[in-house]
Amino acid sequence: MESNLDLIKNFVEWWKERIYTSTLIIYKLISDQDIKSKQKYYRSFINCMKNSYKNIYTTATEDVRMLLNIKKLKNESN
């Protein structure tokens, strides 16, 4: 699994000028308006950040950082 993630990461790094990713589409695919689902979603990040394996908690931390940046940008645009 880690080698697959490394492969995807390298692909994106090499071709990032040519790749367009709509974060809104990704957000809509993973978001659910149900409050319990949102709580489970955020709880999963917290659990990953508590994990003892560095590659798990660093990835979760990076994801949370990106989510907070998106939230900040949304608040600034309103």
N, C-alpha and C. Protein backbone atom coordinates (compact mmCIF):
# COMPACT_ATOMS: atom_id res chain seq x y z
N MET A 1 0.82 -1.19 0.00
CA MET A 1 0.00 0.00 0.00
C MET A 1 0.87 1.25 0.00
N GLU A 2 1.92 1.25 0.79
CA GLU A 2 2.78 2.41 0.85
C GLU A 2 3.45 2.67 -0.49
N SER A 3 3.85 1.61 -1.19
CA SER A 3 4.48 1.81 -2.50
C SER A 3 3.48 2.39 -3.50
N ASN A 4 2.20 2.02 -3.38
CA ASN A 4 1.18 2.61 -4.25
C ASN A 4 1.04 4.10 -3.97
N LEU A 5 1.04 4.46 -2.70
CA LEU A 5 0.93 5.87 -2.35
C LEU A 5 2.15 6.65 -2.82
N ASP A 6 3.33 6.04 -2.71
CA ASP A 6 4.54 6.69 -3.20
C ASP A 6 4.49 6.87 -4.71
N LEU A 7 3.97 5.89 -5.40
CA LEU A 7 3.83 5.98 -6.86
C LEU A 7 2.90 7.12 -7.24
N ILE A 8 1.77 7.22 -6.57
CA ILE A 8 0.82 8.30 -6.84
C ILE A 8 1.45 9.65 -6.50
N LYS A 9 2.13 9.73 -5.38
CA LYS A 9 2.78 10.97 -4.97
C LYS A 9 3.81 11.41 -6.01
N ASN A 10 4.64 10.49 -6.46
CA ASN A 10 5.65 10.82 -7.47
C ASN A 10 5.02 11.25 -8.78
N PHE A 11 3.96 10.57 -9.18
CA PHE A 11 3.26 10.93 -10.41
C PHE A 11 2.74 12.36 -10.33
N VAL A 12 2.11 12.68 -9.21
CA VAL A 12 1.55 14.02 -9.05
C VAL A 12 2.66 15.06 -9.00
N GLU A 13 3.76 14.77 -8.32
CA GLU A 13 4.87 15.72 -8.26
C GLU A 13 5.47 15.97 -9.64
N TRP A 14 5.58 14.94 -10.44
CA TRP A 14 6.18 15.10 -11.77
C TRP A 14 5.25 15.82 -12.74
N TRP A 15 3.95 15.61 -12.61
CA TRP A 15 2.99 16.15 -13.57
C TRP A 15 2.10 17.23 -12.98
N LYS A 16 2.48 17.84 -11.87
CA LYS A 16 1.58 18.77 -11.19
C LYS A 16 1.19 19.98 -12.03
N GLU A 17 2.03 20.38 -12.97
CA GLU A 17 1.68 21.51 -13.83
C GLU A 17 0.56 21.16 -14.80
N ARG A 18 0.39 19.89 -15.07
CA ARG A 18 -0.60 19.46 -16.06
C ARG A 18 -1.87 18.85 -15.44
N ILE A 19 -1.86 18.71 -14.13
CA ILE A 19 -3.00 18.09 -13.45
C ILE A 19 -3.85 19.18 -12.80
N TYR A 20 -5.14 19.12 -13.07
CA TYR A 20 -6.08 20.02 -12.41
C TYR A 20 -6.99 19.18 -11.51
N THR A 21 -6.99 19.49 -10.24
CA THR A 21 -7.82 18.76 -9.29
C THR A 21 -8.85 19.71 -8.72
N SER A 22 -10.09 19.39 -8.94
CA SER A 22 -11.16 20.21 -8.38
C SER A 22 -11.41 19.76 -6.95
N THR A 23 -10.99 20.57 -6.01
CA THR A 23 -11.17 20.22 -4.61
C THR A 23 -12.64 20.18 -4.23
N LEU A 24 -13.45 20.97 -4.92
CA LEU A 24 -14.88 20.95 -4.63
C LEU A 24 -15.49 19.59 -4.96
N ILE A 25 -15.09 19.01 -6.07
CA ILE A 25 -15.60 17.68 -6.44
C ILE A 25 -15.16 16.64 -5.41
N ILE A 26 -13.90 16.69 -5.02
CA ILE A 26 -13.40 15.74 -4.02
C ILE A 26 -14.14 15.93 -2.71
N TYR A 27 -14.32 17.18 -2.31
CA TYR A 27 -15.02 17.45 -1.06
C TYR A 27 -16.45 16.91 -1.10
N LYS A 28 -17.14 17.13 -2.21
CA LYS A 28 -18.52 16.64 -2.33
C LYS A 28 -18.58 15.12 -2.30
N LEU A 29 -17.57 14.48 -2.85
CA LEU A 29 -17.55 13.02 -2.84
C LEU A 29 -17.35 12.44 -1.45
N ILE A 30 -16.54 13.10 -0.65
CA ILE A 30 -16.24 12.55 0.68
C ILE A 30 -17.08 13.15 1.79
N SER A 31 -17.78 14.24 1.51
CA SER A 31 -18.55 14.86 2.58
C SER A 31 -19.96 14.29 2.62
N ASP A 32 -20.48 14.32 3.81
CA ASP A 32 -21.85 13.87 4.03
C ASP A 32 -22.49 14.89 4.96
N GLN A 33 -23.71 15.25 4.69
CA GLN A 33 -24.37 16.27 5.50
C GLN A 33 -24.84 15.73 6.85
N ASP A 34 -24.78 14.45 7.04
CA ASP A 34 -25.17 13.85 8.31
C ASP A 34 -24.14 14.21 9.38
N ILE A 35 -24.60 14.75 10.50
CA ILE A 35 -23.71 15.18 11.58
C ILE A 35 -22.90 14.02 12.14
N LYS A 36 -23.51 12.86 12.30
CA LYS A 36 -22.79 11.70 12.84
C LYS A 36 -21.67 11.28 11.90
N SER A 37 -21.92 11.36 10.60
CA SER A 37 -20.89 11.01 9.63
C SER A 37 -19.73 12.00 9.70
N LYS A 38 -20.04 13.27 9.86
CA LYS A 38 -18.98 14.28 9.99
C LYS A 38 -18.16 14.02 11.25
N GLN A 39 -18.84 13.70 12.33
CA GLN A 39 -18.12 13.42 13.57
C GLN A 39 -17.21 12.21 13.43
N LYS A 40 -17.70 11.17 12.76
CA LYS A 40 -16.87 9.98 12.53
C LYS A 40 -15.68 10.33 11.64
N TYR A 41 -15.91 11.17 10.64
CA TYR A 41 -14.85 11.59 9.72
C TYR A 41 -13.74 12.31 10.49
N TYR A 42 -14.11 13.29 11.32
CA TYR A 42 -13.12 14.03 12.10
C TYR A 42 -12.48 13.15 13.17
N ARG A 43 -13.25 12.27 13.77
CA ARG A 43 -12.71 11.36 14.78
C ARG A 43 -11.64 10.45 14.18
N SER A 44 -11.84 10.05 12.92
CA SER A 44 -10.85 9.18 12.28
C SER A 44 -9.51 9.91 12.12
N PHE A 45 -9.56 11.22 11.82
CA PHE A 45 -8.32 11.99 11.75
C PHE A 45 -7.64 12.07 13.11
N ILE A 46 -8.42 12.31 14.14
CA ILE A 46 -7.86 12.40 15.49
C ILE A 46 -7.23 11.07 15.90
N ASN A 47 -7.90 9.98 15.59
CA ASN A 47 -7.34 8.66 15.92
C ASN A 47 -6.04 8.41 15.16
N CYS A 48 -5.99 8.83 13.91
CA CYS A 48 -4.75 8.66 13.14
C CYS A 48 -3.63 9.53 13.71
N MET A 49 -3.98 10.72 14.19
CA MET A 49 -2.96 11.60 14.76
C MET A 49 -2.43 11.05 16.08
N LYS A 50 -3.20 10.22 16.76
CA LYS A 50 -2.76 9.59 18.01
C LYS A 50 -1.95 8.32 17.76
N ASN A 51 -1.89 7.88 16.52
CA ASN A 51 -1.22 6.63 16.19
C ASN A 51 0.27 6.73 16.48
N SER A 52 0.89 5.62 16.83
CA SER A 52 2.32 5.62 17.18
C SER A 52 3.23 5.53 15.95
N TYR A 53 2.68 5.19 14.79
CA TYR A 53 3.49 5.10 13.58
C TYR A 53 3.60 6.47 12.91
N LYS A 54 4.84 6.88 12.68
CA LYS A 54 5.10 8.22 12.15
C LYS A 54 4.43 8.46 10.80
N ASN A 55 4.48 7.48 9.90
CA ASN A 55 3.90 7.71 8.57
C ASN A 55 2.39 7.89 8.63
N ILE A 56 1.74 7.37 9.65
CA ILE A 56 0.29 7.53 9.78
C ILE A 56 -0.04 8.89 10.39
N TYR A 57 0.61 9.25 11.50
CA TYR A 57 0.23 10.52 12.12
C TYR A 57 0.72 11.73 11.33
N THR A 58 1.82 11.61 10.59
CA THR A 58 2.24 12.75 9.77
C THR A 58 1.30 12.97 8.59
N THR A 59 0.83 11.89 8.00
CA THR A 59 -0.13 12.02 6.90
C THR A 59 -1.44 12.62 7.40
N ALA A 60 -1.91 12.16 8.53
CA ALA A 60 -3.15 12.72 9.10
C ALA A 60 -2.98 14.19 9.43
N THR A 61 -1.83 14.56 9.95
CA THR A 61 -1.56 15.95 10.28
C THR A 61 -1.56 16.82 9.02
N GLU A 62 -0.94 16.33 7.96
CA GLU A 62 -0.94 17.08 6.69
C GLU A 62 -2.36 17.25 6.16
N ASP A 63 -3.16 16.21 6.26
CA ASP A 63 -4.55 16.29 5.79
C ASP A 63 -5.35 17.31 6.60
N VAL A 64 -5.18 17.29 7.91
CA VAL A 64 -5.88 18.25 8.76
C VAL A 64 -5.44 19.67 8.43
N ARG A 65 -4.15 19.85 8.19
CA ARG A 65 -3.63 21.18 7.82
C ARG A 65 -4.30 21.67 6.53
N MET A 66 -4.41 20.79 5.54
CA MET A 66 -5.05 21.17 4.28
C MET A 66 -6.52 21.49 4.49
N LEU A 67 -7.22 20.69 5.31
CA LEU A 67 -8.63 20.96 5.58
C LEU A 67 -8.82 22.30 6.28
N LEU A 68 -7.94 22.61 7.22
CA LEU A 68 -8.03 23.90 7.91
C LEU A 68 -7.75 25.06 6.96
N ASN A 69 -6.82 24.88 6.04
CA ASN A 69 -6.54 25.92 5.04
C ASN A 69 -7.74 26.15 4.14
N ILE A 70 -8.40 25.07 3.74
CA ILE A 70 -9.60 25.20 2.91
C ILE A 70 -10.69 25.93 3.68
N LYS A 71 -10.87 25.56 4.93
CA LYS A 71 -11.88 26.21 5.77
C LYS A 71 -11.57 27.69 5.92
N LYS A 72 -10.30 28.02 6.12
CA LYS A 72 -9.88 29.41 6.26
C LYS A 72 -10.17 30.19 4.98
N LEU A 73 -9.85 29.61 3.83
CA LEU A 73 -10.11 30.27 2.56
C LEU A 73 -11.60 30.49 2.33
N LYS A 74 -12.41 29.53 2.73
CA LYS A 74 -13.87 29.68 2.60
C LYS A 74 -14.36 30.84 3.46
N ASN A 75 -13.85 30.93 4.67
CA ASN A 75 -14.27 32.01 5.58
C ASN A 75 -13.82 33.37 5.07
N GLU A 76 -12.64 33.44 4.46
CA GLU A 76 -12.14 34.70 3.92
C GLU A 76 -12.94 35.15 2.70
N SER A 77 -13.44 34.20 1.93
CA SER A 77 -14.19 34.56 0.73
C SER A 77 -15.62 34.99 1.04
N ASN A 78 -16.12 34.66 2.23
CA ASN A 78 -17.50 35.04 2.60
C ASN A 78 -17.58 36.42 3.15
